Amino acid sequence: MRWTAVVNPGAGRGRRARHVARLGDALAARAVDIHVTKTAADGLDAARTAFSRGEGVLACGGDGTVRALAGLAAETGGLLG
């Protein structure tokens, strides 16, 4: 199964942003597509597209990111990690 990581660099009031490049490198080494969000809606759109292609989505953010993506996964029957 292919995976797309939806990464919210603003999680933790932006304290996680400095780790995005390292996370990106680790995920790319495992052939995971990476989408760094600009807005919450942008992240949901990326996840919706991934789910429609039959991909799993990795939620990389805070509780708001996980909650939003979990709701979308429940609505669409998508796989969330």
Protein backbone atom coordinates (compact mmCIF):
# COMPACT_ATOMS: atom_id res chain seq x y z
CA MET A 1 0.00 0.00 0.00
CA ARG A 2 1.16 3.50 -0.78
CA TRP A 3 1.04 6.18 1.90
CA THR A 4 0.81 9.96 1.95
CA ALA A 5 1.96 11.88 5.01
CA VAL A 6 -0.04 15.01 5.77
CA VAL A 7 2.38 17.17 7.75
CA ASN A 8 1.23 20.18 9.75
CA PRO A 9 4.36 22.26 10.48
CA GLY A 10 2.33 24.55 12.74
CA ALA A 11 1.54 21.79 15.25
CA GLY A 12 2.71 22.49 18.77
CA ARG A 13 2.50 26.24 18.13
CA GLY A 14 5.14 25.86 15.41
CA ARG A 15 7.74 24.21 17.63
CA ARG A 16 7.77 21.16 15.35
CA ALA A 17 8.54 23.10 12.17
CA ARG A 18 12.29 22.65 12.58
CA HIS A 19 11.81 18.87 12.36
CA VAL A 20 9.91 18.87 9.05
CA ALA A 21 13.00 18.45 6.87
CA ARG A 22 14.28 15.50 8.90
CA LEU A 23 10.83 13.91 8.92
CA GLY A 24 10.60 14.44 5.16
CA ASP A 25 13.92 12.70 4.60
CA ALA A 26 12.89 9.71 6.73
CA LEU A 27 9.53 9.34 4.99
CA ALA A 28 10.98 9.81 1.50
CA ALA A 29 13.48 7.02 2.21
CA ARG A 30 10.44 4.78 2.75
CA ALA A 31 8.71 5.94 -0.46
CA VAL A 32 6.02 7.88 1.45
CA ASP A 33 4.63 10.90 -0.38
CA ILE A 34 4.73 14.04 1.74
CA HIS A 35 2.29 16.93 1.79
CA VAL A 36 3.19 19.86 4.02
CA THR A 37 0.00 21.78 4.75
CA LYS A 38 -0.53 25.51 4.40
CA THR A 39 -4.03 25.43 5.93
CA ALA A 40 -6.30 22.88 7.59
CA ALA A 41 -8.43 22.72 4.44
CA ASP A 42 -5.30 22.08 2.38
CA GLY A 43 -4.46 19.08 4.57
CA LEU A 44 -7.97 17.68 4.26
CA ASP A 45 -7.86 18.07 0.48
CA ALA A 46 -4.55 16.20 0.31
CA ALA A 47 -5.93 13.40 2.49
CA ARG A 48 -9.16 13.20 0.50
CA THR A 49 -7.14 12.83 -2.71
CA ALA A 50 -4.94 10.13 -1.17
CA PHE A 51 -7.97 8.21 0.14
CA SER A 52 -9.64 8.41 -3.28
CA ARG A 53 -6.53 6.78 -4.80
CA GLY A 54 -6.71 3.97 -2.24
CA GLU A 55 -3.69 5.21 -0.29
CA GLY A 56 -3.29 5.33 3.46
CA VAL A 57 -2.68 8.67 5.17
CA LEU A 58 -0.19 9.32 7.96
CA ALA A 59 -1.25 12.15 10.26
CA CYS A 60 1.85 14.14 11.21
CA GLY A 61 0.73 17.00 13.41
CA GLY A 62 -1.01 17.74 16.64
CA ASP A 63 -4.34 16.66 18.02
CA GLY A 64 -6.25 18.98 15.69
CA THR A 65 -4.61 17.41 12.63
CA VAL A 66 -5.26 13.89 13.88
CA ARG A 67 -8.88 14.70 14.78
CA ALA A 68 -9.62 16.24 11.37
CA LEU A 69 -7.98 13.45 9.41
CA ALA A 70 -9.62 10.76 11.57
CA GLY A 71 -13.03 12.28 10.84
CA LEU A 72 -12.31 12.26 7.12
CA ALA A 73 -11.03 8.68 7.27
CA ALA A 74 -14.24 7.63 9.05
CA GLU A 75 -16.40 9.38 6.43
CA THR A 76 -14.54 7.91 3.45
CA GLY A 77 -13.47 4.53 4.80
CA GLY A 78 -9.83 5.56 4.41
CA LEU A 79 -6.93 4.08 6.35
CA LEU A 80 -5.25 6.50 8.78
CA GLY A 81 -1.91 5.91 10.47
